[in-house]
Amino acid sequence: MGIRLPFVLVTVLPFFAWPFLRGPTLLLAVAACAVALGQRIFLFAKLFPVNPAWALSLPIAAVVFTGIVLHSAVRQLAGRGPIWKGREYPYGR
């Protein structure tokens, strides 16, 4: 999660802050999102032999992955075990 958190903060958080920002602050947030996404598109295109447009789905994938990890962590901390294919497993010790 430590690696994903900065990615989510840089690429997704400015979109949620958009309604509260005005003027140069809004421009800076949009520019930060554009630079971060541009870097990921460049890296994605170099690492994987697919259309670079797929890199546009990376912020969505980061949010989904973070949600899955947080859900799993909350279940474990609450004493309920993991869920797999609709079955609940006992809390592992």
N, C-alpha and C. Protein backbone atom coordinates (compact mmCIF):
# COMPACT_ATOMS: atom_id res chain seq x y z
N MET A 1 0.82 -1.18 0.00
CA MET A 1 0.00 0.00 0.00
C MET A 1 0.87 1.26 0.00
N GLY A 2 2.05 1.18 0.56
CA GLY A 2 2.92 2.33 0.63
C GLY A 2 3.29 2.86 -0.75
N ILE A 3 3.40 1.99 -1.73
CA ILE A 3 3.74 2.41 -3.08
C ILE A 3 2.51 2.97 -3.79
N ARG A 4 1.36 2.43 -3.53
CA ARG A 4 0.13 2.85 -4.20
C ARG A 4 -0.38 4.19 -3.69
N LEU A 5 -0.18 4.49 -2.42
CA LEU A 5 -0.75 5.71 -1.84
C LEU A 5 -0.28 6.98 -2.55
N PRO A 6 1.02 7.17 -2.80
CA PRO A 6 1.41 8.38 -3.54
C PRO A 6 0.81 8.44 -4.94
N PHE A 7 0.71 7.29 -5.59
CA PHE A 7 0.11 7.25 -6.93
C PHE A 7 -1.34 7.72 -6.88
N VAL A 8 -2.09 7.22 -5.91
CA VAL A 8 -3.49 7.61 -5.77
C VAL A 8 -3.60 9.09 -5.41
N LEU A 9 -2.74 9.55 -4.51
CA LEU A 9 -2.81 10.96 -4.11
C LEU A 9 -2.52 11.90 -5.26
N VAL A 10 -1.54 11.57 -6.08
CA VAL A 10 -1.16 12.47 -7.17
C VAL A 10 -2.15 12.41 -8.33
N THR A 11 -2.67 11.24 -8.63
CA THR A 11 -3.50 11.12 -9.83
C THR A 11 -4.99 11.26 -9.58
N VAL A 12 -5.46 10.94 -8.40
CA VAL A 12 -6.91 10.92 -8.16
C VAL A 12 -7.37 12.04 -7.23
N LEU A 13 -6.62 12.31 -6.18
CA LEU A 13 -7.05 13.30 -5.20
C LEU A 13 -7.33 14.68 -5.79
N PRO A 14 -6.52 15.18 -6.73
CA PRO A 14 -6.85 16.49 -7.30
C PRO A 14 -8.22 16.56 -7.96
N PHE A 15 -8.70 15.43 -8.49
CA PHE A 15 -10.04 15.43 -9.09
C PHE A 15 -11.12 15.61 -8.02
N PHE A 16 -10.91 15.04 -6.84
CA PHE A 16 -11.87 15.21 -5.76
C PHE A 16 -11.78 16.61 -5.16
N ALA A 17 -10.62 17.23 -5.24
CA ALA A 17 -10.43 18.57 -4.70
C ALA A 17 -10.91 19.65 -5.67
N TRP A 18 -11.18 19.27 -6.91
CA TRP A 18 -11.54 20.22 -7.96
C TRP A 18 -12.63 21.21 -7.54
N PRO A 19 -13.75 20.76 -6.93
CA PRO A 19 -14.80 21.72 -6.60
C PRO A 19 -14.37 22.78 -5.57
N PHE A 20 -13.33 22.50 -4.82
CA PHE A 20 -12.91 23.40 -3.75
C PHE A 20 -11.76 24.32 -4.17
N LEU A 21 -11.23 24.12 -5.36
CA LEU A 21 -10.09 24.91 -5.81
C LEU A 21 -10.52 25.98 -6.80
N ARG A 22 -9.80 27.07 -6.80
CA ARG A 22 -10.08 28.16 -7.72
C ARG A 22 -8.77 28.74 -8.23
N GLY A 23 -8.79 29.30 -9.41
CA GLY A 23 -7.66 30.04 -9.97
C GLY A 23 -6.39 29.24 -10.14
N PRO A 24 -5.25 29.79 -9.69
CA PRO A 24 -3.96 29.14 -9.91
C PRO A 24 -3.83 27.81 -9.20
N THR A 25 -4.51 27.65 -8.07
CA THR A 25 -4.44 26.38 -7.35
C THR A 25 -5.08 25.26 -8.17
N LEU A 26 -6.20 25.57 -8.80
CA LEU A 26 -6.85 24.59 -9.66
C LEU A 26 -5.96 24.25 -10.85
N LEU A 27 -5.36 25.25 -11.44
CA LEU A 27 -4.46 25.03 -12.57
C LEU A 27 -3.27 24.15 -12.17
N LEU A 28 -2.73 24.39 -11.00
CA LEU A 28 -1.60 23.59 -10.50
C LEU A 28 -2.02 22.14 -10.28
N ALA A 29 -3.21 21.92 -9.72
CA ALA A 29 -3.69 20.56 -9.48
C ALA A 29 -3.91 19.81 -10.79
N VAL A 30 -4.50 20.48 -11.77
CA VAL A 30 -4.72 19.85 -13.08
C VAL A 30 -3.39 19.56 -13.76
N ALA A 31 -2.44 20.48 -13.66
CA ALA A 31 -1.12 20.27 -14.26
C ALA A 31 -0.40 19.09 -13.59
N ALA A 32 -0.52 18.99 -12.28
CA ALA A 32 0.11 17.86 -11.57
C ALA A 32 -0.49 16.54 -12.03
N CYS A 33 -1.81 16.51 -12.19
CA CYS A 33 -2.46 15.29 -12.69
C CYS A 33 -1.97 14.95 -14.10
N ALA A 34 -1.87 15.96 -14.94
CA ALA A 34 -1.45 15.73 -16.33
C ALA A 34 -0.01 15.23 -16.38
N VAL A 35 0.88 15.82 -15.59
CA VAL A 35 2.28 15.38 -15.58
C VAL A 35 2.39 13.96 -15.05
N ALA A 36 1.70 13.66 -13.96
CA ALA A 36 1.76 12.31 -13.38
C ALA A 36 1.21 11.28 -14.36
N LEU A 37 0.10 11.58 -15.00
CA LEU A 37 -0.48 10.64 -15.95
C LEU A 37 0.42 10.51 -17.19
N GLY A 38 1.02 11.61 -17.63
CA GLY A 38 1.95 11.54 -18.76
C GLY A 38 3.14 10.66 -18.47
N GLN A 39 3.68 10.75 -17.27
CA GLN A 39 4.80 9.89 -16.88
C GLN A 39 4.38 8.43 -16.91
N ARG A 40 3.20 8.15 -16.41
CA ARG A 40 2.74 6.75 -16.38
C ARG A 40 2.45 6.22 -17.78
N ILE A 41 1.93 7.07 -18.65
CA ILE A 41 1.69 6.64 -20.04
C ILE A 41 3.02 6.32 -20.72
N PHE A 42 4.01 7.17 -20.52
CA PHE A 42 5.33 6.93 -21.10
C PHE A 42 5.93 5.62 -20.58
N LEU A 43 5.90 5.43 -19.27
CA LEU A 43 6.45 4.21 -18.67
C LEU A 43 5.67 2.98 -19.12
N PHE A 44 4.36 3.09 -19.15
CA PHE A 44 3.50 1.98 -19.56
C PHE A 44 3.81 1.58 -21.00
N ALA A 45 3.98 2.57 -21.88
CA ALA A 45 4.26 2.29 -23.29
C ALA A 45 5.62 1.62 -23.46
N LYS A 46 6.58 1.97 -22.62
CA LYS A 46 7.91 1.36 -22.71
C LYS A 46 7.94 -0.06 -22.16
N LEU A 47 7.17 -0.32 -21.11
CA LEU A 47 7.21 -1.62 -20.45
C LEU A 47 6.33 -2.68 -21.09
N PHE A 48 5.19 -2.27 -21.63
CA PHE A 48 4.22 -3.23 -22.14
C PHE A 48 3.93 -3.00 -23.62
N PRO A 49 3.88 -4.06 -24.41
CA PRO A 49 3.63 -3.91 -25.85
C PRO A 49 2.14 -3.79 -26.18
N VAL A 50 1.47 -2.81 -25.57
CA VAL A 50 0.06 -2.57 -25.85
C VAL A 50 -0.14 -1.10 -26.18
N ASN A 51 -1.32 -0.76 -26.60
CA ASN A 51 -1.65 0.62 -26.93
C ASN A 51 -1.48 1.50 -25.67
N PRO A 52 -0.75 2.61 -25.76
CA PRO A 52 -0.56 3.48 -24.60
C PRO A 52 -1.85 4.05 -24.03
N ALA A 53 -2.94 4.02 -24.80
CA ALA A 53 -4.22 4.51 -24.29
C ALA A 53 -4.69 3.71 -23.08
N TRP A 54 -4.22 2.47 -22.96
CA TRP A 54 -4.59 1.66 -21.80
C TRP A 54 -4.06 2.27 -20.51
N ALA A 55 -3.03 3.07 -20.60
CA ALA A 55 -2.47 3.71 -19.40
C ALA A 55 -3.47 4.68 -18.77
N LEU A 56 -4.44 5.13 -19.54
CA LEU A 56 -5.45 6.03 -18.99
C LEU A 56 -6.31 5.35 -17.93
N SER A 57 -6.32 4.03 -17.91
CA SER A 57 -7.09 3.30 -16.91
C SER A 57 -6.32 3.10 -15.61
N LEU A 58 -5.06 3.50 -15.55
CA LEU A 58 -4.25 3.27 -14.35
C LEU A 58 -4.80 3.97 -13.10
N PRO A 59 -5.27 5.22 -13.17
CA PRO A 59 -5.83 5.81 -11.95
C PRO A 59 -7.04 5.04 -11.42
N ILE A 60 -7.88 4.56 -12.32
CA ILE A 60 -9.05 3.78 -11.90
C ILE A 60 -8.60 2.48 -11.27
N ALA A 61 -7.62 1.83 -11.88
CA ALA A 61 -7.10 0.58 -11.33
C ALA A 61 -6.48 0.79 -9.95
N ALA A 62 -5.79 1.91 -9.76
CA ALA A 62 -5.19 2.20 -8.45
C ALA A 62 -6.26 2.38 -7.38
N VAL A 63 -7.35 3.06 -7.72
CA VAL A 63 -8.42 3.25 -6.75
C VAL A 63 -9.10 1.93 -6.42
N VAL A 64 -9.36 1.11 -7.42
CA VAL A 64 -9.99 -0.20 -7.20
C VAL A 64 -9.09 -1.07 -6.33
N PHE A 65 -7.80 -1.14 -6.65
CA PHE A 65 -6.86 -1.95 -5.88
C PHE A 65 -6.78 -1.47 -4.43
N THR A 66 -6.74 -0.16 -4.24
CA THR A 66 -6.68 0.39 -2.89
C THR A 66 -7.95 0.02 -2.12
N GLY A 67 -9.10 0.08 -2.76
CA GLY A 67 -10.35 -0.30 -2.11
C GLY A 67 -10.36 -1.77 -1.71
N ILE A 68 -9.85 -2.63 -2.57
CA ILE A 68 -9.79 -4.06 -2.25
C ILE A 68 -8.89 -4.31 -1.05
N VAL A 69 -7.72 -3.67 -1.04
CA VAL A 69 -6.78 -3.85 0.07
C VAL A 69 -7.38 -3.32 1.38
N LEU A 70 -8.01 -2.14 1.33
CA LEU A 70 -8.61 -1.58 2.54
C LEU A 70 -9.75 -2.45 3.06
N HIS A 71 -10.57 -2.97 2.16
CA HIS A 71 -11.67 -3.86 2.57
C HIS A 71 -11.12 -5.10 3.25
N SER A 72 -10.10 -5.69 2.68
CA SER A 72 -9.49 -6.89 3.26
C SER A 72 -8.88 -6.58 4.63
N ALA A 73 -8.20 -5.45 4.75
CA ALA A 73 -7.58 -5.08 6.02
C ALA A 73 -8.63 -4.85 7.10
N VAL A 74 -9.72 -4.19 6.75
CA VAL A 74 -10.77 -3.93 7.74
C VAL A 74 -11.39 -5.25 8.19
N ARG A 75 -11.63 -6.17 7.27
CA ARG A 75 -12.19 -7.47 7.64
C ARG A 75 -11.25 -8.22 8.57
N GLN A 76 -9.96 -8.21 8.28
CA GLN A 76 -9.00 -8.92 9.12
C GLN A 76 -8.92 -8.30 10.51
N LEU A 77 -8.89 -6.96 10.56
CA LEU A 77 -8.80 -6.28 11.86
C LEU A 77 -10.07 -6.44 12.68
N ALA A 78 -11.20 -6.64 12.02
CA ALA A 78 -12.47 -6.83 12.72
C ALA A 78 -12.67 -8.27 13.19
N GLY A 79 -11.74 -9.15 12.82
CA GLY A 79 -11.83 -10.53 13.26
C GLY A 79 -12.62 -11.43 12.33
N ARG A 80 -13.06 -10.90 11.21
CA ARG A 80 -13.75 -11.72 10.22
C ARG A 80 -12.73 -12.09 9.16
N GLY A 81 -12.68 -13.28 8.73
CA GLY A 81 -11.67 -13.71 7.78
C GLY A 81 -11.92 -13.22 6.38
N PRO A 82 -11.11 -13.68 5.46
CA PRO A 82 -11.26 -13.26 4.07
C PRO A 82 -12.48 -13.91 3.40
N ILE A 83 -12.90 -13.29 2.31
CA ILE A 83 -13.98 -13.84 1.48
C ILE A 83 -13.36 -14.22 0.14
N TRP A 84 -13.65 -15.44 -0.32
CA TRP A 84 -13.15 -15.88 -1.61
C TRP A 84 -14.26 -16.64 -2.31
N LYS A 85 -14.66 -16.18 -3.47
CA LYS A 85 -15.72 -16.79 -4.28
C LYS A 85 -17.01 -16.96 -3.49
N GLY A 86 -17.34 -15.95 -2.70
CA GLY A 86 -18.58 -15.97 -1.95
C GLY A 86 -18.54 -16.76 -0.66
N ARG A 87 -17.41 -17.37 -0.33
CA ARG A 87 -17.29 -18.15 0.90
C ARG A 87 -16.45 -17.36 1.90
N GLU A 88 -16.90 -17.38 3.14
CA GLU A 88 -16.13 -16.71 4.20
C GLU A 88 -15.27 -17.75 4.89
N TYR A 89 -14.01 -17.41 5.06
CA TYR A 89 -13.07 -18.29 5.73
C TYR A 89 -12.82 -17.80 7.14
N PRO A 90 -12.56 -18.72 8.05
CA PRO A 90 -12.33 -18.28 9.44
C PRO A 90 -11.06 -17.43 9.52
N TYR A 91 -11.05 -16.62 10.54
CA TYR A 91 -9.91 -15.73 10.78
C TYR A 91 -8.66 -16.58 11.03
N GLY A 92 -7.65 -16.38 10.21
CA GLY A 92 -6.41 -17.15 10.37
C GLY A 92 -5.50 -16.52 11.39
N ARG A 93 -4.86 -17.33 12.19
CA ARG A 93 -3.94 -16.83 13.22
C ARG A 93 -2.54 -17.20 12.90
